[in-house]
Amino acid sequence: MFFRNLTFFRFPTSLSFDTLDAQLEECRLKPVGALELSSRGFVPPMGRDTEAMSHRIADAIWLTVGGEDKLLPGAVVNELLAQKLAEIERKEGRKPGGRTRKRLKEDLVHELLPRAFVRPTRTDALLDLEHGLCIVDTASRKSAESVVSEIRRALGSFPALPLNAEVAPRSILTGWIAGEALPEGLTLGDECELKDAAERGAIVKCQRHDLACDEIARHLEAGKQVTRLALTLDDHVSFVLGEDLVLRKFKLLDGAVDTLESTERDDLHAELDARFALMAGEAKRLFTILESALKLSKVDAAA
């Protein structure tokens, strides 16, 4: 299991997680009801054949929010609604009003829900107790907030806040691509996004591109700023850092994965344990570098 996107939240390092598994068990995922659209809750991160509701290695905790969503396409509902409305108009010689349309649509949804297909989902999260970090495997702020809300529901209190930088991230990213020294260990990748500072200004996206070329330099001279930038940490991690402080396309490279392949393991759980330990270590190391480089705000450790 390797996270593909990292959305960060910070929480006070003084929080206790001593009873975490019992609290997560109380909020375990329940099957979506016949008349429900969705259900959310925690599931064992190591798989359905395990019981532990979290997996911990040192000060890193892995937990998973599971979900079940009913698939009820709007087009299907609207087509059936149109048929019912046409039938009413034919029989009564009038077009149904807004209230009737709303009631009929609600009735249709309730009629179709019990027969709708169910799509399972899961979103993984990493709690770094040393740095007070909640890292969610998604690039969607809404999905990440949903996971944090589920953790808050289980714990009763979880004062986690999105990352905040004291300096505009796009100014730092623009400086790096313009030739300013990068933090030790970081090197430029081959992807970036540049935006004109004006509202609704031009957007330039470059992929598989030499970011040190004259073409990029001309965009910078024209006043464009970097809003996304591909970077590599040593030969271990590649990612795309956005001005929203989300890491996309997070990938462990051969320099990191080779350490997994050099050790033989005879079961899936041992493999997952090793993968989680590796990913957690690399994510934490990367965060400490970005924290300093981007001047990320801290939270009150005593909160």
C-alpha atoms as a PDB file:
ATOM      1  CA  MET A   1       0.000   0.000   0.000  1.00  0.00           C
ATOM      2  CA  PHE A   2       1.497   3.271  -1.106  1.00  0.00           C
ATOM      3  CA  PHE A   3      -0.372   6.563  -0.864  1.00  0.00           C
ATOM      4  CA  ARG A   4      -0.711   8.321  -4.206  1.00  0.00           C
ATOM      5  CA  ASN A   5      -1.679  11.779  -2.940  1.00  0.00           C
ATOM      6  CA  LEU A   6      -0.911  13.491   0.345  1.00  0.00           C
ATOM      7  CA  THR A   7      -3.252  16.058   1.883  1.00  0.00           C
ATOM      8  CA  PHE A   8      -1.908  17.274   5.224  1.00  0.00           C
ATOM      9  CA  PHE A   9      -3.573  18.397   8.430  1.00  0.00           C
ATOM     10  CA  ARG A  10      -1.857  19.366  11.662  1.00  0.00           C
ATOM     11  CA  PHE A  11      -2.998  18.478  15.155  1.00  0.00           C
ATOM     12  CA  PRO A  12      -1.457  19.052  18.599  1.00  0.00           C
ATOM     13  CA  THR A  13       1.195  16.465  19.461  1.00  0.00           C
ATOM     14  CA  SER A  14      -0.236  16.378  22.983  1.00  0.00           C
ATOM     15  CA  LEU A  15      -3.274  14.358  21.814  1.00  0.00           C
ATOM     16  CA  SER A  16      -3.560  10.829  23.183  1.00  0.00           C
ATOM     17  CA  PHE A  17      -4.445   7.833  21.020  1.00  0.00           C
ATOM     18  CA  ASP A  18      -4.226   5.169  23.729  1.00  0.00           C
ATOM     19  CA  THR A  19      -7.796   3.950  23.170  1.00  0.00           C
ATOM     20  CA  LEU A  20      -7.883   4.523  19.420  1.00  0.00           C
ATOM     21  CA  ASP A  21      -8.861   0.997  18.355  1.00  0.00           C
ATOM     22  CA  ALA A  22     -11.811   0.846  20.752  1.00  0.00           C
ATOM     23  CA  GLN A  23     -12.996   4.256  19.554  1.00  0.00           C
ATOM     24  CA  LEU A  24     -12.681   3.254  15.900  1.00  0.00           C
ATOM     25  CA  GLU A  25     -14.584   0.033  16.607  1.00  0.00           C
ATOM     26  CA  GLU A  26     -17.496   2.113  17.871  1.00  0.00           C
ATOM     27  CA  CYS A  27     -17.553   3.826  14.474  1.00  0.00           C
ATOM     28  CA  ARG A  28     -16.979   0.747  12.325  1.00  0.00           C
ATOM     29  CA  LEU A  29     -18.494   0.864   8.830  1.00  0.00           C
ATOM     30  CA  LYS A  30     -22.068  -0.416   8.740  1.00  0.00           C
ATOM     31  CA  PRO A  31     -23.659  -1.719   5.534  1.00  0.00           C
ATOM     32  CA  VAL A  32     -25.576   0.995   3.718  1.00  0.00           C
ATOM     33  CA  GLY A  33     -29.277   0.768   4.515  1.00  0.00           C
ATOM     34  CA  ALA A  34     -31.982  -0.020   1.994  1.00  0.00           C
ATOM     35  CA  LEU A  35     -33.134   3.604   1.867  1.00  0.00           C
ATOM     36  CA  GLU A  36     -29.716   5.215   2.403  1.00  0.00           C
ATOM     37  CA  LEU A  37     -27.514   6.696  -0.306  1.00  0.00           C
ATOM     38  CA  SER A  38     -24.233   6.120   1.511  1.00  0.00           C
ATOM     39  CA  SER A  39     -22.552   4.888   4.667  1.00  0.00           C
ATOM     40  CA  ARG A  40     -19.169   5.760   6.210  1.00  0.00           C
ATOM     41  CA  GLY A  41     -17.109   4.223   8.977  1.00  0.00           C
ATOM     42  CA  PHE A  42     -13.766   2.667   9.799  1.00  0.00           C
ATOM     43  CA  VAL A  43     -12.504  -0.662   8.460  1.00  0.00           C
ATOM     44  CA  PRO A  44      -9.359  -2.667   9.322  1.00  0.00           C
ATOM     45  CA  PRO A  45      -6.534  -1.123   7.251  1.00  0.00           C
ATOM     46  CA  MET A  46      -4.726  -4.453   6.825  1.00  0.00           C
ATOM     47  CA  GLY A  47      -7.717  -6.089   5.162  1.00  0.00           C
ATOM     48  CA  ARG A  48     -11.082  -7.612   5.928  1.00  0.00           C
ATOM     49  CA  ASP A  49      -9.506 -10.820   7.282  1.00  0.00           C
ATOM     50  CA  THR A  50      -7.956  -8.862  10.177  1.00  0.00           C
ATOM     51  CA  GLU A  51      -9.558  -7.443  13.307  1.00  0.00           C
ATOM     52  CA  ALA A  52      -7.305  -4.515  14.286  1.00  0.00           C
ATOM     53  CA  MET A  53      -8.926  -1.193  13.451  1.00  0.00           C
ATOM     54  CA  SER A  54      -5.547   0.522  13.116  1.00  0.00           C
ATOM     55  CA  HIS A  55      -1.961  -0.486  12.460  1.00  0.00           C
ATOM     56  CA  ARG A  56       0.874   1.180  14.336  1.00  0.00           C
ATOM     57  CA  ILE A  57       4.618   1.229  13.827  1.00  0.00           C
ATOM     58  CA  ALA A  58       6.473   3.409  16.355  1.00  0.00           C
ATOM     59  CA  ASP A  59       4.808   6.845  16.145  1.00  0.00           C
ATOM     60  CA  ALA A  60       3.005   6.208  12.839  1.00  0.00           C
ATOM     61  CA  ILE A  61      -0.595   4.966  12.786  1.00  0.00           C
ATOM     62  CA  TRP A  62      -2.415   3.700   9.721  1.00  0.00           C
ATOM     63  CA  LEU A  63      -6.208   3.828   9.676  1.00  0.00           C
ATOM     64  CA  THR A  64      -8.824   3.525   6.965  1.00  0.00           C
ATOM     65  CA  VAL A  65     -12.237   5.060   6.380  1.00  0.00           C
ATOM     66  CA  GLY A  66     -14.448   2.744   4.374  1.00  0.00           C
ATOM     67  CA  GLY A  67     -17.605   3.636   2.519  1.00  0.00           C
ATOM     68  CA  GLU A  68     -20.545   2.169   0.653  1.00  0.00           C
ATOM     69  CA  ASP A  69     -22.295   4.333  -1.943  1.00  0.00           C
ATOM     70  CA  LYS A  70     -25.481   3.508  -3.822  1.00  0.00           C
ATOM     71  CA  LEU A  71     -25.137   3.971  -7.573  1.00  0.00           C
ATOM     72  CA  LEU A  72     -28.283   5.753  -8.677  1.00  0.00           C
ATOM     73  CA  PRO A  73     -27.590   7.688 -11.895  1.00  0.00           C
ATOM     74  CA  GLY A  74     -29.467  10.958 -12.165  1.00  0.00           C
ATOM     75  CA  ALA A  75     -30.227  10.231 -15.814  1.00  0.00           C
ATOM     76  CA  VAL A  76     -32.159   7.101 -14.832  1.00  0.00           C
ATOM     77  CA  VAL A  77     -34.205   8.966 -12.208  1.00  0.00           C
ATOM     78  CA  ASN A  78     -34.905  11.846 -14.599  1.00  0.00           C
ATOM     79  CA  GLU A  79     -36.024   9.511 -17.399  1.00  0.00           C
ATOM     80  CA  LEU A  80     -38.482   7.672 -15.143  1.00  0.00           C
ATOM     81  CA  LEU A  81     -39.684  10.996 -13.741  1.00  0.00           C
ATOM     82  CA  ALA A  82     -40.299  12.324 -17.252  1.00  0.00           C
ATOM     83  CA  GLN A  83     -42.379   9.221 -18.043  1.00  0.00           C
ATOM     84  CA  LYS A  84     -44.523   9.674 -14.913  1.00  0.00           C
ATOM     85  CA  LEU A  85     -45.028  13.377 -15.615  1.00  0.00           C
ATOM     86  CA  ALA A  86     -46.037  12.652 -19.204  1.00  0.00           C
ATOM     87  CA  GLU A  87     -48.537  10.046 -18.005  1.00  0.00           C
ATOM     88  CA  ILE A  88     -50.089  12.496 -15.515  1.00  0.00           C
ATOM     89  CA  GLU A  89     -50.340  15.174 -18.214  1.00  0.00           C
ATOM     90  CA  ARG A  90     -51.996  12.712 -20.601  1.00  0.00           C
ATOM     91  CA  LYS A  91     -54.554  11.549 -18.023  1.00  0.00           C
ATOM     92  CA  GLU A  92     -55.333  14.881 -16.386  1.00  0.00           C
ATOM     93  CA  GLY A  93     -54.700  17.262 -19.244  1.00  0.00           C
ATOM     94  CA  ARG A  94     -52.348  19.452 -17.205  1.00  0.00           C
ATOM     95  CA  LYS A  95     -48.674  19.736 -16.410  1.00  0.00           C
ATOM     96  CA  PRO A  96     -47.824  18.818 -12.788  1.00  0.00           C
ATOM     97  CA  GLY A  97     -46.543  21.683 -10.645  1.00  0.00           C
ATOM     98  CA  GLY A  98     -43.227  21.978  -8.870  1.00  0.00           C
ATOM     99  CA  ARG A  99     -44.383  20.373  -5.623  1.00  0.00           C
ATOM    100  CA  THR A 100     -45.751  17.359  -7.490  1.00  0.00           C
ATOM    101  CA  ARG A 101     -42.532  16.976  -9.467  1.00  0.00           C
ATOM    102  CA  LYS A 102     -40.489  17.086  -6.249  1.00  0.00           C
ATOM    103  CA  ARG A 103     -42.695  14.526  -4.503  1.00  0.00           C
ATOM    104  CA  LEU A 104     -42.626  12.174  -7.486  1.00  0.00           C
ATOM    105  CA  LYS A 105     -38.858  12.388  -7.703  1.00  0.00           C
ATOM    106  CA  GLU A 106     -38.472  11.608  -3.990  1.00  0.00           C
ATOM    107  CA  ASP A 107     -40.817   8.644  -4.372  1.00  0.00           C
ATOM    108  CA  LEU A 108     -38.789   7.356  -7.321  1.00  0.00           C
ATOM    109  CA  VAL A 109     -35.519   7.595  -5.398  1.00  0.00           C
ATOM    110  CA  HIS A 110     -37.017   5.661  -2.457  1.00  0.00           C
ATOM    111  CA  GLU A 111     -38.357   3.063  -4.879  1.00  0.00           C
ATOM    112  CA  LEU A 112     -35.029   2.594  -6.673  1.00  0.00           C
ATOM    113  CA  LEU A 113     -32.605   2.750  -3.736  1.00  0.00           C
ATOM    114  CA  PRO A 114     -33.170  -0.800  -2.430  1.00  0.00           C
ATOM    115  CA  ARG A 115     -32.321  -2.169  -5.898  1.00  0.00           C
ATOM    116  CA  ALA A 116     -29.304   0.074  -6.589  1.00  0.00           C
ATOM    117  CA  PHE A 117     -25.795  -1.361  -6.869  1.00  0.00           C
ATOM    118  CA  VAL A 118     -23.423  -0.631  -3.994  1.00  0.00           C
ATOM    119  CA  ARG A 119     -19.897   0.656  -4.665  1.00  0.00           C
ATOM    120  CA  PRO A 120     -17.355   0.130  -1.853  1.00  0.00           C
ATOM    121  CA  THR A 121     -14.693   2.780  -1.249  1.00  0.00           C
ATOM    122  CA  ARG A 122     -11.742   3.229   1.100  1.00  0.00           C
ATOM    123  CA  THR A 123      -9.524   6.162   1.968  1.00  0.00           C
ATOM    124  CA  ASP A 124      -6.326   5.619   3.943  1.00  0.00           C
ATOM    125  CA  ALA A 125      -4.845   8.028   6.440  1.00  0.00           C
ATOM    126  CA  LEU A 126      -1.561   8.218   8.318  1.00  0.00           C
ATOM    127  CA  LEU A 127      -1.254   9.773  11.759  1.00  0.00           C
ATOM    128  CA  ASP A 128       2.285  10.955  12.468  1.00  0.00           C
ATOM    129  CA  LEU A 129       2.316  11.428  16.236  1.00  0.00           C
ATOM    130  CA  GLU A 130       5.820  12.914  16.292  1.00  0.00           C
ATOM    131  CA  HIS A 131       4.983  15.863  14.042  1.00  0.00           C
ATOM    132  CA  GLY A 132       1.247  16.055  14.744  1.00  0.00           C
ATOM    133  CA  LEU A 133       0.289  15.225  11.169  1.00  0.00           C
ATOM    134  CA  CYS A 134      -2.767  13.626   9.664  1.00  0.00           C
ATOM    135  CA  ILE A 135      -1.956  12.655   6.074  1.00  0.00           C
ATOM    136  CA  VAL A 136      -4.901  11.582   3.915  1.00  0.00           C
ATOM    137  CA  ASP A 137      -4.463   9.663   0.669  1.00  0.00           C
ATOM    138  CA  THR A 138      -6.472  11.976  -1.571  1.00  0.00           C
ATOM    139  CA  ALA A 139      -6.002  15.153  -3.580  1.00  0.00           C
ATOM    140  CA  SER A 140      -9.596  16.216  -2.902  1.00  0.00           C
ATOM    141  CA  ARG A 141      -9.946  18.700  -0.058  1.00  0.00           C
ATOM    142  CA  LYS A 142     -13.567  17.624   0.400  1.00  0.00           C
ATOM    143  CA  SER A 143     -12.648  13.937   0.716  1.00  0.00           C
ATOM    144  CA  ALA A 144      -9.788  14.743   3.080  1.00  0.00           C
ATOM    145  CA  GLU A 145     -12.064  16.850   5.287  1.00  0.00           C
ATOM    146  CA  SER A 146     -14.529  13.974   5.324  1.00  0.00           C
ATOM    147  CA  VAL A 147     -11.861  11.608   6.667  1.00  0.00           C
ATOM    148  CA  VAL A 148     -10.845  14.106   9.344  1.00  0.00           C
ATOM    149  CA  SER A 149     -14.513  14.476  10.294  1.00  0.00           C
ATOM    150  CA  GLU A 150     -14.792  10.703  10.712  1.00  0.00           C
ATOM    151  CA  ILE A 151     -11.723  10.682  12.961  1.00  0.00           C
ATOM    152  CA  ARG A 152     -13.230  13.546  14.946  1.00  0.00           C
ATOM    153  CA  ARG A 153     -16.492  11.620  15.281  1.00  0.00           C
ATOM    154  CA  ALA A 154     -14.644   8.571  16.611  1.00  0.00           C
ATOM    155  CA  LEU A 155     -12.380  10.444  19.031  1.00  0.00           C
ATOM    156  CA  GLY A 156     -14.938  12.991  20.192  1.00  0.00           C
ATOM    157  CA  SER A 157     -12.375  15.751  19.595  1.00  0.00           C
ATOM    158  CA  PHE A 158      -9.718  16.052  16.916  1.00  0.00           C
ATOM    159  CA  PRO A 159      -8.539  19.660  16.430  1.00  0.00           C
ATOM    160  CA  ALA A 160      -6.863  19.108  13.076  1.00  0.00           C
ATOM    161  CA  LEU A 161      -6.351  22.019  10.685  1.00  0.00           C
ATOM    162  CA  PRO A 162      -5.195  22.165   7.047  1.00  0.00           C
ATOM    163  CA  LEU A 163      -1.616  23.230   6.418  1.00  0.00           C
ATOM    164  CA  ASN A 164      -0.980  26.938   6.259  1.00  0.00           C
ATOM    165  CA  ALA A 165       2.164  28.628   4.914  1.00  0.00           C
ATOM    166  CA  GLU A 166       3.504  31.932   6.192  1.00  0.00           C
ATOM    167  CA  VAL A 167       4.725  32.789   2.670  1.00  0.00           C
ATOM    168  CA  ALA A 168       2.734  32.316  -0.549  1.00  0.00           C
ATOM    169  CA  PRO A 169       3.762  28.853  -1.829  1.00  0.00           C
ATOM    170  CA  ARG A 170       3.639  29.963  -5.483  1.00  0.00           C
ATOM    171  CA  SER A 171       6.346  32.540  -4.817  1.00  0.00           C
ATOM    172  CA  ILE A 172       8.637  29.846  -3.413  1.00  0.00           C
ATOM    173  CA  LEU A 173       7.871  27.419  -6.239  1.00  0.00           C
ATOM    174  CA  THR A 174       8.494  30.164  -8.791  1.00  0.00           C
ATOM    175  CA  GLY A 175      11.816  30.955  -7.150  1.00  0.00           C
ATOM    176  CA  TRP A 176      12.929  27.342  -7.331  1.00  0.00           C
ATOM    177  CA  ILE A 177      12.165  27.038 -11.040  1.00  0.00           C
ATOM    178  CA  ALA A 178      13.809  30.438 -11.663  1.00  0.00           C
ATOM    179  CA  GLY A 179      17.114  29.194 -10.291  1.00  0.00           C
ATOM    180  CA  GLU A 180      17.005  29.752  -6.555  1.00  0.00           C
ATOM    181  CA  ALA A 181      18.624  27.039  -4.480  1.00  0.00           C
ATOM    182  CA  LEU A 182      16.346  24.143  -3.603  1.00  0.00           C
ATOM    183  CA  PRO A 183      16.389  22.530  -0.161  1.00  0.00           C
ATOM    184  CA  GLU A 184      19.037  19.849   0.204  1.00  0.00           C
ATOM    185  CA  GLY A 185      17.954  16.603  -1.422  1.00  0.00           C
ATOM    186  CA  LEU A 186      15.300  18.138  -3.680  1.00  0.00           C
ATOM    187  CA  THR A 187      15.699  18.374  -7.445  1.00  0.00           C
ATOM    188  CA  LEU A 188      13.364  19.600 -10.181  1.00  0.00           C
ATOM    189  CA  GLY A 189      11.224  17.082 -12.028  1.00  0.00           C
ATOM    190  CA  ASP A 190       9.785  17.395 -15.525  1.00  0.00           C
ATOM    191  CA  GLU A 191       6.324  18.857 -14.874  1.00  0.00           C
ATOM    192  CA  CYS A 192       4.933  22.228 -13.853  1.00  0.00           C
ATOM    193  CA  GLU A 193       1.938  24.516 -14.123  1.00  0.00           C
ATOM    194  CA  LEU A 194       2.292  28.277 -14.583  1.00  0.00           C
ATOM    195  CA  LYS A 195      -0.454  30.858 -14.229  1.00  0.00           C
ATOM    196  CA  ASP A 196      -0.735  34.477 -15.145  1.00  0.00           C
ATOM    197  CA  ALA A 197      -1.236  36.623 -12.055  1.00  0.00           C
ATOM    198  CA  ALA A 198      -4.276  38.323 -13.592  1.00  0.00           C
ATOM    199  CA  GLU A 199      -7.703  36.928 -12.875  1.00  0.00           C
ATOM    200  CA  ARG A 200      -8.691  34.459 -15.605  1.00  0.00           C
ATOM    201  CA  GLY A 201      -5.189  34.799 -16.978  1.00  0.00           C
ATOM    202  CA  ALA A 202      -3.357  32.259 -19.115  1.00  0.00           C
ATOM    203  CA  ILE A 203      -2.449  28.832 -17.728  1.00  0.00           C
ATOM    204  CA  VAL A 204       0.481  26.850 -19.100  1.00  0.00           C
ATOM    205  CA  LYS A 205       0.913  23.163 -18.262  1.00  0.00           C
ATOM    206  CA  CYS A 206       4.160  21.409 -19.051  1.00  0.00           C
ATOM    207  CA  GLN A 207       4.786  17.670 -18.815  1.00  0.00           C
ATOM    208  CA  ARG A 208       7.888  15.662 -19.697  1.00  0.00           C
ATOM    209  CA  HIS A 209       9.607  19.000 -20.150  1.00  0.00           C
ATOM    210  CA  ASP A 210      12.987  20.447 -19.257  1.00  0.00           C
ATOM    211  CA  LEU A 211      12.046  23.027 -16.641  1.00  0.00           C
ATOM    212  CA  ALA A 212      15.346  24.846 -16.946  1.00  0.00           C
ATOM    213  CA  CYS A 213      14.863  25.692 -20.643  1.00  0.00           C
ATOM    214  CA  ASP A 214      14.469  29.131 -22.227  1.00  0.00           C
ATOM    215  CA  GLU A 215      10.757  28.568 -22.932  1.00  0.00           C
ATOM    216  CA  ILE A 216       9.985  28.304 -19.211  1.00  0.00           C
ATOM    217  CA  ALA A 217      12.201  31.309 -18.523  1.00  0.00           C
ATOM    218  CA  ARG A 218      10.185  33.403 -20.987  1.00  0.00           C
ATOM    219  CA  HIS A 219       6.942  32.500 -19.213  1.00  0.00           C
ATOM    220  CA  LEU A 220       8.491  33.649 -15.941  1.00  0.00           C
ATOM    221  CA  GLU A 221       9.681  36.879 -17.531  1.00  0.00           C
ATOM    222  CA  ALA A 222       6.105  37.471 -18.734  1.00  0.00           C
ATOM    223  CA  GLY A 223       4.957  37.412 -15.107  1.00  0.00           C
ATOM    224  CA  LYS A 224       3.591  33.906 -14.818  1.00  0.00           C
ATOM    225  CA  GLN A 225       4.018  32.115 -11.495  1.00  0.00           C
ATOM    226  CA  VAL A 226       4.399  28.440 -10.710  1.00  0.00           C
ATOM    227  CA  THR A 227       1.367  26.844  -9.077  1.00  0.00           C
ATOM    228  CA  ARG A 228       2.421  23.201  -9.393  1.00  0.00           C
ATOM    229  CA  LEU A 229       5.913  21.779  -9.572  1.00  0.00           C
ATOM    230  CA  ALA A 230       7.277  18.253  -9.935  1.00  0.00           C
ATOM    231  CA  LEU A 231      10.100  17.474  -7.528  1.00  0.00           C
ATOM    232  CA  THR A 232      12.231  14.518  -6.500  1.00  0.00           C
ATOM    233  CA  LEU A 233      13.707  13.818  -3.076  1.00  0.00           C
ATOM    234  CA  ASP A 234      17.042  12.049  -3.529  1.00  0.00           C
ATOM    235  CA  ASP A 235      16.263   8.933  -5.567  1.00  0.00           C
ATOM    236  CA  HIS A 236      13.509   7.909  -3.178  1.00  0.00           C
ATOM    237  CA  VAL A 237      10.363   9.955  -3.796  1.00  0.00           C
ATOM    238  CA  SER A 238       8.850  11.891  -6.695  1.00  0.00           C
ATOM    239  CA  PHE A 239       5.768  14.097  -6.402  1.00  0.00           C
ATOM    240  CA  VAL A 240       4.011  17.210  -7.688  1.00  0.00           C
ATOM    241  CA  LEU A 241       3.720  19.975  -5.104  1.00  0.00           C
ATOM    242  CA  GLY A 242       0.835  22.409  -5.544  1.00  0.00           C
ATOM    243  CA  GLU A 243       0.314  25.882  -4.154  1.00  0.00           C
ATOM    244  CA  ASP A 244      -2.562  24.340  -2.173  1.00  0.00           C
ATOM    245  CA  LEU A 245       0.151  22.354  -0.307  1.00  0.00           C
ATOM    246  CA  VAL A 246      -1.231  19.037  -1.603  1.00  0.00           C
ATOM    247  CA  LEU A 247       1.278  16.488  -2.899  1.00  0.00           C
ATOM    248  CA  ARG A 248       0.001  14.728  -6.002  1.00  0.00           C
ATOM    249  CA  LYS A 249       1.464  11.792  -7.944  1.00  0.00           C
ATOM    250  CA  PHE A 250       3.383  10.727  -4.847  1.00  0.00           C
ATOM    251  CA  LYS A 251       5.569   7.792  -5.827  1.00  0.00           C
ATOM    252  CA  LEU A 252       8.308   5.829  -4.103  1.00  0.00           C
ATOM    253  CA  LEU A 253      11.203   5.315  -6.492  1.00  0.00           C
ATOM    254  CA  ASP A 254      13.653   2.466  -6.870  1.00  0.00           C
ATOM    255  CA  GLY A 255      16.017   3.970  -4.321  1.00  0.00           C
ATOM    256  CA  ALA A 256      13.361   3.441  -1.658  1.00  0.00           C
ATOM    257  CA  VAL A 257      11.583   0.343  -2.977  1.00  0.00           C
ATOM    258  CA  ASP A 258      14.855  -1.581  -3.341  1.00  0.00           C
ATOM    259  CA  THR A 259      14.965  -1.837   0.451  1.00  0.00           C
ATOM    260  CA  LEU A 260      11.701  -3.810   0.326  1.00  0.00           C
ATOM    261  CA  GLU A 261      12.841  -6.196  -2.370  1.00  0.00           C
ATOM    262  CA  SER A 262      16.043  -7.001  -0.496  1.00  0.00           C
ATOM    263  CA  THR A 263      14.088  -8.617   2.345  1.00  0.00           C
ATOM    264  CA  GLU A 264      12.092 -11.813   1.963  1.00  0.00           C
ATOM    265  CA  ARG A 265       8.678 -12.059   3.650  1.00  0.00           C
ATOM    266  CA  ASP A 266       6.419 -15.063   3.764  1.00  0.00           C
ATOM    267  CA  ASP A 267       3.007 -13.476   4.242  1.00  0.00           C
ATOM    268  CA  LEU A 268       0.905 -10.552   3.049  1.00  0.00           C
ATOM    269  CA  HIS A 269       0.634  -8.885   6.458  1.00  0.00           C
ATOM    270  CA  ALA A 270       4.406  -8.733   6.827  1.00  0.00           C
ATOM    271  CA  GLU A 271       4.626  -7.199   3.344  1.00  0.00           C
ATOM    272  CA  LEU A 272       1.995  -4.570   4.172  1.00  0.00           C
ATOM    273  CA  ASP A 273       3.732  -3.813   7.441  1.00  0.00           C
ATOM    274  CA  ALA A 274       7.029  -3.228   5.649  1.00  0.00           C
ATOM    275  CA  ARG A 275       5.412  -1.086   2.959  1.00  0.00           C
ATOM    276  CA  PHE A 276       3.640   1.067   5.518  1.00  0.00           C
ATOM    277  CA  ALA A 277       6.847   1.555   7.510  1.00  0.00           C
ATOM    278  CA  LEU A 278       8.719   2.589   4.359  1.00  0.00           C
ATOM    279  CA  MET A 279       6.028   4.987   3.143  1.00  0.00           C
ATOM    280  CA  ALA A 280       5.555   6.558   6.573  1.00  0.00           C
ATOM    281  CA  GLY A 281       9.284   7.128   6.946  1.00  0.00           C
ATOM    282  CA  GLU A 282       9.647   8.744   3.524  1.00  0.00           C
ATOM    283  CA  ALA A 283       6.533  10.909   3.965  1.00  0.00           C
ATOM    284  CA  LYS A 284       7.734  12.177   7.349  1.00  0.00           C
ATOM    285  CA  ARG A 285      11.233  12.896   6.025  1.00  0.00           C
ATOM    286  CA  LEU A 286       9.788  14.789   3.083  1.00  0.00           C
ATOM    287  CA  PHE A 287       7.478  16.803   5.317  1.00  0.00           C
ATOM    288  CA  THR A 288      10.320  18.004   7.556  1.00  0.00           C
ATOM    289  CA  ILE A 289      12.090  19.365   4.467  1.00  0.00           C
ATOM    290  CA  LEU A 290       8.983  21.079   3.094  1.00  0.00           C
ATOM    291  CA  GLU A 291       8.026  22.440   6.510  1.00  0.00           C
ATOM    292  CA  SER A 292      11.176  24.501   6.653  1.00  0.00           C
ATOM    293  CA  ALA A 293      11.299  25.398   2.956  1.00  0.00           C
ATOM    294  CA  LEU A 294       7.661  26.543   2.775  1.00  0.00           C
ATOM    295  CA  LYS A 295       7.607  28.098   6.251  1.00  0.00           C
ATOM    296  CA  LEU A 296       4.600  26.062   7.319  1.00  0.00           C
ATOM    297  CA  SER A 297       2.744  27.282  10.378  1.00  0.00           C
ATOM    298  CA  LYS A 298       2.720  25.128  13.479  1.00  0.00           C
ATOM    299  CA  VAL A 299      -0.147  24.404  15.839  1.00  0.00           C
ATOM    300  CA  ASP A 300      -0.218  24.930  19.586  1.00  0.00           C
ATOM    301  CA  ALA A 301       1.213  21.753  21.049  1.00  0.00           C
ATOM    302  CA  ALA A 302      -0.738  22.323  24.231  1.00  0.00           C
ATOM    303  CA  ALA A 303      -4.138  22.720  22.524  1.00  0.00           C
END
